[in-house]
Amino acid sequence: MEIFDSAIRTKGDLAGVFEYEDTGPQEATAHFYLYRAEGETAGSILDVIHVRSGHWAITEADVAVRWDGSEQRVGLFVFGTLVAALDAAAGTKYGGGYGKDFNAEIPWS
């Protein structure tokens, strides 16, 4: 099973991408990426957050990738809760590396 969601910034230059791949009980992983969406290096990964490993009872409907109001940060929302974010301007990342609970303090506007 694979779950995928993404959001491209209005400028069209960057995209936030969530990917969860579950090929078996020991092979499941979830990652959140910041991708370059245009230019010569389009498709290249600029940053990544490991969200979790192991089986996860989610569906595509449970996941949303969104940019904040300033389009500086792209966030991963799971079950309506912000669980990870990548700051494209500052190059910082927040959240990730979770087991079952999401409790990161993530700046968002």
N, C-alpha and C. Protein backbone atom coordinates (compact mmCIF):
# COMPACT_ATOMS: atom_id res chain seq x y z
N MET A 1 0.84 -1.17 0.00
CA MET A 1 0.00 0.00 0.00
C MET A 1 0.89 1.24 0.00
N GLU A 2 0.49 2.24 -0.77
CA GLU A 2 1.21 3.50 -0.79
C GLU A 2 0.23 4.65 -0.64
N ILE A 3 0.59 5.62 0.20
CA ILE A 3 -0.21 6.83 0.37
C ILE A 3 0.68 8.00 0.00
N PHE A 4 0.13 8.89 -0.81
CA PHE A 4 0.91 10.00 -1.35
C PHE A 4 0.04 11.26 -1.33
N ASP A 5 0.63 12.38 -0.91
CA ASP A 5 -0.05 13.67 -1.01
C ASP A 5 1.01 14.74 -1.21
N SER A 6 0.64 15.81 -1.90
CA SER A 6 1.60 16.88 -2.15
C SER A 6 0.89 18.21 -2.32
N ALA A 7 1.67 19.29 -2.20
CA ALA A 7 1.16 20.64 -2.44
C ALA A 7 2.31 21.46 -3.01
N ILE A 8 2.03 22.13 -4.13
CA ILE A 8 3.03 22.99 -4.77
C ILE A 8 2.78 24.43 -4.34
N ARG A 9 3.86 25.13 -4.01
CA ARG A 9 3.76 26.54 -3.64
C ARG A 9 3.22 27.33 -4.84
N THR A 10 2.50 28.43 -4.59
CA THR A 10 1.89 29.22 -5.65
C THR A 10 2.89 29.64 -6.72
N LYS A 11 4.12 29.94 -6.34
CA LYS A 11 5.16 30.31 -7.30
C LYS A 11 5.49 29.16 -8.24
N GLY A 12 5.19 27.94 -7.82
CA GLY A 12 5.47 26.77 -8.63
C GLY A 12 6.89 26.25 -8.49
N ASP A 13 7.66 26.83 -7.57
CA ASP A 13 9.07 26.45 -7.45
C ASP A 13 9.34 25.29 -6.51
N LEU A 14 8.52 25.16 -5.44
CA LEU A 14 8.75 24.13 -4.42
C LEU A 14 7.47 23.35 -4.15
N ALA A 15 7.64 22.12 -3.70
CA ALA A 15 6.50 21.28 -3.34
C ALA A 15 6.81 20.53 -2.05
N GLY A 16 5.80 20.41 -1.21
CA GLY A 16 5.87 19.52 -0.07
C GLY A 16 5.23 18.20 -0.47
N VAL A 17 5.88 17.09 -0.13
CA VAL A 17 5.41 15.78 -0.55
C VAL A 17 5.47 14.81 0.62
N PHE A 18 4.34 14.12 0.86
CA PHE A 18 4.28 13.06 1.86
C PHE A 18 4.19 11.73 1.13
N GLU A 19 4.96 10.75 1.63
CA GLU A 19 4.91 9.42 1.06
C GLU A 19 4.97 8.38 2.17
N TYR A 20 4.01 7.47 2.15
CA TYR A 20 4.00 6.34 3.08
C TYR A 20 3.92 5.08 2.25
N GLU A 21 4.87 4.20 2.46
CA GLU A 21 4.89 2.95 1.72
C GLU A 21 4.92 1.80 2.71
N ASP A 22 3.96 0.90 2.56
CA ASP A 22 3.83 -0.24 3.45
C ASP A 22 3.88 -1.51 2.59
N THR A 23 5.06 -2.10 2.50
CA THR A 23 5.23 -3.31 1.70
C THR A 23 5.28 -4.56 2.57
N GLY A 24 5.07 -4.38 3.85
CA GLY A 24 5.08 -5.50 4.79
C GLY A 24 5.30 -4.97 6.19
N PRO A 25 5.06 -5.79 7.22
CA PRO A 25 5.14 -5.33 8.61
C PRO A 25 6.49 -4.71 8.99
N GLN A 26 7.56 -5.18 8.42
CA GLN A 26 8.89 -4.66 8.77
C GLN A 26 9.40 -3.64 7.76
N GLU A 27 8.62 -3.35 6.74
CA GLU A 27 9.09 -2.51 5.65
C GLU A 27 8.34 -1.20 5.49
N ALA A 28 7.49 -0.81 6.41
CA ALA A 28 6.67 0.38 6.27
C ALA A 28 7.43 1.62 6.76
N THR A 29 7.41 2.68 5.94
CA THR A 29 8.04 3.94 6.33
C THR A 29 7.23 5.12 5.79
N ALA A 30 7.29 6.23 6.51
CA ALA A 30 6.63 7.47 6.10
C ALA A 30 7.66 8.59 6.14
N HIS A 31 7.70 9.38 5.05
CA HIS A 31 8.63 10.51 4.94
C HIS A 31 7.90 11.73 4.40
N PHE A 32 8.41 12.90 4.78
CA PHE A 32 7.88 14.18 4.31
C PHE A 32 9.04 14.92 3.66
N TYR A 33 8.87 15.32 2.40
CA TYR A 33 9.96 15.89 1.61
C TYR A 33 9.66 17.32 1.18
N LEU A 34 10.73 18.10 0.98
CA LEU A 34 10.66 19.37 0.29
C LEU A 34 11.37 19.16 -1.04
N TYR A 35 10.62 19.30 -2.13
CA TYR A 35 11.14 19.06 -3.48
C TYR A 35 11.27 20.37 -4.24
N ARG A 36 12.24 20.42 -5.13
CA ARG A 36 12.33 21.49 -6.11
C ARG A 36 11.39 21.10 -7.25
N ALA A 37 10.45 21.99 -7.59
CA ALA A 37 9.42 21.65 -8.57
C ALA A 37 9.69 22.22 -9.96
N GLU A 38 10.70 23.08 -10.09
CA GLU A 38 10.98 23.66 -11.40
C GLU A 38 12.48 23.90 -11.56
N GLY A 39 12.89 24.22 -12.76
CA GLY A 39 14.29 24.50 -13.05
C GLY A 39 15.05 23.25 -13.47
N GLU A 40 16.36 23.40 -13.64
CA GLU A 40 17.20 22.31 -14.11
C GLU A 40 17.23 21.13 -13.16
N THR A 41 17.08 21.40 -11.88
CA THR A 41 17.14 20.32 -10.89
C THR A 41 15.75 19.95 -10.37
N ALA A 42 14.71 20.18 -11.19
CA ALA A 42 13.34 19.83 -10.79
C ALA A 42 13.29 18.36 -10.37
N GLY A 43 12.56 18.10 -9.29
CA GLY A 43 12.44 16.74 -8.78
C GLY A 43 13.49 16.39 -7.73
N SER A 44 14.44 17.29 -7.51
CA SER A 44 15.47 17.00 -6.51
C SER A 44 14.92 17.26 -5.11
N ILE A 45 15.39 16.47 -4.16
CA ILE A 45 14.98 16.60 -2.77
C ILE A 45 15.86 17.64 -2.09
N LEU A 46 15.23 18.64 -1.48
CA LEU A 46 15.97 19.67 -0.76
C LEU A 46 16.10 19.35 0.72
N ASP A 47 15.09 18.67 1.27
CA ASP A 47 15.12 18.29 2.68
C ASP A 47 14.12 17.16 2.91
N VAL A 48 14.30 16.44 3.99
CA VAL A 48 13.41 15.31 4.29
C VAL A 48 13.27 15.17 5.81
N ILE A 49 12.08 14.75 6.22
CA ILE A 49 11.82 14.40 7.61
C ILE A 49 11.31 12.96 7.64
N HIS A 50 11.95 12.12 8.43
CA HIS A 50 11.43 10.77 8.65
C HIS A 50 10.28 10.91 9.65
N VAL A 51 9.08 10.57 9.22
CA VAL A 51 7.90 10.74 10.06
C VAL A 51 7.73 9.56 10.99
N ARG A 52 7.80 8.35 10.45
CA ARG A 52 7.71 7.17 11.30
C ARG A 52 8.01 5.92 10.50
N SER A 53 8.28 4.83 11.21
CA SER A 53 8.49 3.51 10.63
C SER A 53 7.45 2.57 11.22
N GLY A 54 7.13 1.52 10.48
CA GLY A 54 6.17 0.53 10.95
C GLY A 54 4.79 0.75 10.38
N HIS A 55 3.95 -0.26 10.51
CA HIS A 55 2.59 -0.19 9.99
C HIS A 55 1.84 0.97 10.61
N TRP A 56 1.03 1.65 9.79
CA TRP A 56 0.28 2.81 10.24
C TRP A 56 -1.12 2.72 9.66
N ALA A 57 -2.12 2.75 10.48
CA ALA A 57 -3.51 2.62 10.02
C ALA A 57 -4.03 3.99 9.56
N ILE A 58 -3.56 4.44 8.39
CA ILE A 58 -4.04 5.69 7.81
C ILE A 58 -4.48 5.44 6.38
N THR A 59 -5.25 6.39 5.88
CA THR A 59 -5.66 6.38 4.47
C THR A 59 -5.29 7.74 3.87
N GLU A 60 -5.43 7.89 2.57
CA GLU A 60 -5.14 9.18 1.93
C GLU A 60 -6.02 10.28 2.50
N ALA A 61 -7.24 9.96 2.91
CA ALA A 61 -8.15 10.95 3.48
C ALA A 61 -7.66 11.49 4.83
N ASP A 62 -6.77 10.77 5.49
CA ASP A 62 -6.25 11.18 6.80
C ASP A 62 -5.08 12.15 6.71
N VAL A 63 -4.56 12.38 5.50
CA VAL A 63 -3.32 13.12 5.30
C VAL A 63 -3.56 14.34 4.42
N ALA A 64 -2.93 15.47 4.79
CA ALA A 64 -2.99 16.68 3.95
C ALA A 64 -1.65 17.40 4.02
N VAL A 65 -1.17 17.87 2.89
CA VAL A 65 0.03 18.69 2.81
C VAL A 65 -0.43 20.09 2.43
N ARG A 66 -0.02 21.11 3.22
CA ARG A 66 -0.46 22.49 2.97
C ARG A 66 0.68 23.47 3.24
N TRP A 67 0.68 24.56 2.50
CA TRP A 67 1.60 25.68 2.76
C TRP A 67 0.94 26.64 3.73
N ASP A 68 1.75 27.30 4.58
CA ASP A 68 1.19 28.29 5.48
C ASP A 68 0.84 29.56 4.70
N GLY A 69 0.26 30.55 5.37
CA GLY A 69 -0.21 31.76 4.71
C GLY A 69 0.87 32.54 3.97
N SER A 70 2.10 32.51 4.49
CA SER A 70 3.21 33.23 3.86
C SER A 70 3.92 32.39 2.81
N GLU A 71 3.53 31.14 2.72
CA GLU A 71 4.17 30.15 1.85
C GLU A 71 5.67 30.02 2.11
N GLN A 72 6.02 30.19 3.37
CA GLN A 72 7.40 29.97 3.82
C GLN A 72 7.57 28.55 4.32
N ARG A 73 6.55 28.01 4.99
CA ARG A 73 6.60 26.66 5.55
C ARG A 73 5.54 25.78 4.90
N VAL A 74 5.92 24.53 4.66
CA VAL A 74 4.96 23.54 4.19
C VAL A 74 4.79 22.52 5.31
N GLY A 75 3.53 22.17 5.57
CA GLY A 75 3.25 21.30 6.70
C GLY A 75 2.55 20.02 6.32
N LEU A 76 2.78 19.01 7.13
CA LEU A 76 2.11 17.72 7.00
C LEU A 76 1.10 17.60 8.13
N PHE A 77 -0.16 17.42 7.75
CA PHE A 77 -1.24 17.26 8.70
C PHE A 77 -1.74 15.82 8.62
N VAL A 78 -1.80 15.15 9.77
CA VAL A 78 -2.33 13.79 9.84
C VAL A 78 -3.46 13.81 10.86
N PHE A 79 -4.61 13.31 10.46
CA PHE A 79 -5.81 13.35 11.29
C PHE A 79 -6.12 14.78 11.73
N GLY A 80 -5.80 15.77 10.88
CA GLY A 80 -6.08 17.18 11.16
C GLY A 80 -5.06 17.87 12.04
N THR A 81 -4.02 17.17 12.49
CA THR A 81 -3.00 17.73 13.37
C THR A 81 -1.70 17.95 12.61
N LEU A 82 -1.10 19.11 12.79
CA LEU A 82 0.19 19.40 12.19
C LEU A 82 1.27 18.56 12.87
N VAL A 83 1.92 17.66 12.12
CA VAL A 83 2.89 16.74 12.72
C VAL A 83 4.32 16.96 12.24
N ALA A 84 4.48 17.71 11.14
CA ALA A 84 5.82 18.00 10.63
C ALA A 84 5.74 19.22 9.72
N ALA A 85 6.84 19.97 9.65
CA ALA A 85 6.89 21.14 8.77
C ALA A 85 8.32 21.37 8.31
N LEU A 86 8.42 21.88 7.10
CA LEU A 86 9.71 22.26 6.52
C LEU A 86 9.65 23.74 6.19
N ASP A 87 10.64 24.50 6.67
CA ASP A 87 10.71 25.93 6.43
C ASP A 87 11.63 26.17 5.25
N ALA A 88 11.06 26.54 4.11
CA ALA A 88 11.83 26.71 2.88
C ALA A 88 12.75 27.92 2.94
N ALA A 89 12.37 28.96 3.68
CA ALA A 89 13.18 30.17 3.76
C ALA A 89 14.37 30.00 4.70
N ALA A 90 14.13 29.41 5.86
CA ALA A 90 15.18 29.28 6.87
C ALA A 90 15.95 27.97 6.76
N GLY A 91 15.39 27.00 6.03
CA GLY A 91 16.06 25.70 5.92
C GLY A 91 15.95 24.85 7.17
N THR A 92 14.94 25.11 7.98
CA THR A 92 14.76 24.33 9.21
C THR A 92 13.62 23.34 9.05
N LYS A 93 13.62 22.33 9.91
CA LYS A 93 12.55 21.34 9.88
C LYS A 93 12.07 21.07 11.29
N TYR A 94 10.81 20.69 11.38
CA TYR A 94 10.15 20.49 12.66
C TYR A 94 9.37 19.18 12.63
N GLY A 95 9.37 18.47 13.76
CA GLY A 95 8.60 17.24 13.89
C GLY A 95 9.32 16.04 13.31
N GLY A 96 8.57 14.94 13.25
CA GLY A 96 9.12 13.71 12.69
C GLY A 96 9.68 12.79 13.74
N GLY A 97 10.04 11.57 13.30
CA GLY A 97 10.64 10.58 14.19
C GLY A 97 9.70 10.07 15.25
N TYR A 98 8.44 9.99 14.95
CA TYR A 98 7.44 9.64 15.94
C TYR A 98 7.16 8.15 16.02
N GLY A 99 6.60 7.77 17.13
CA GLY A 99 6.02 6.45 17.28
C GLY A 99 4.54 6.57 16.97
N LYS A 100 3.71 6.61 17.99
CA LYS A 100 2.28 6.69 17.77
C LYS A 100 1.69 8.07 18.06
N ASP A 101 2.37 8.88 18.86
CA ASP A 101 1.82 10.18 19.26
C ASP A 101 2.59 11.30 18.59
N PHE A 102 1.86 12.37 18.25
CA PHE A 102 2.46 13.56 17.66
C PHE A 102 2.33 14.71 18.65
N ASN A 103 3.46 15.19 19.15
CA ASN A 103 3.42 16.25 20.14
C ASN A 103 4.46 17.34 19.88
N ALA A 104 4.88 17.51 18.66
CA ALA A 104 5.91 18.50 18.36
C ALA A 104 5.34 19.91 18.44
N GLU A 105 6.18 20.84 18.89
CA GLU A 105 5.81 22.26 18.85
C GLU A 105 6.33 22.80 17.53
N ILE A 106 5.41 23.10 16.64
CA ILE A 106 5.75 23.51 15.29
C ILE A 106 5.19 24.90 15.04
N PRO A 107 6.06 25.87 14.69
CA PRO A 107 5.55 27.20 14.37
C PRO A 107 4.73 27.17 13.08
N TRP A 108 3.59 27.86 13.10
CA TRP A 108 2.71 27.85 11.93
C TRP A 108 1.89 29.12 11.91
N SER A 109 1.71 29.67 10.74
CA SER A 109 0.87 30.87 10.62
C SER A 109 -0.05 30.78 9.44
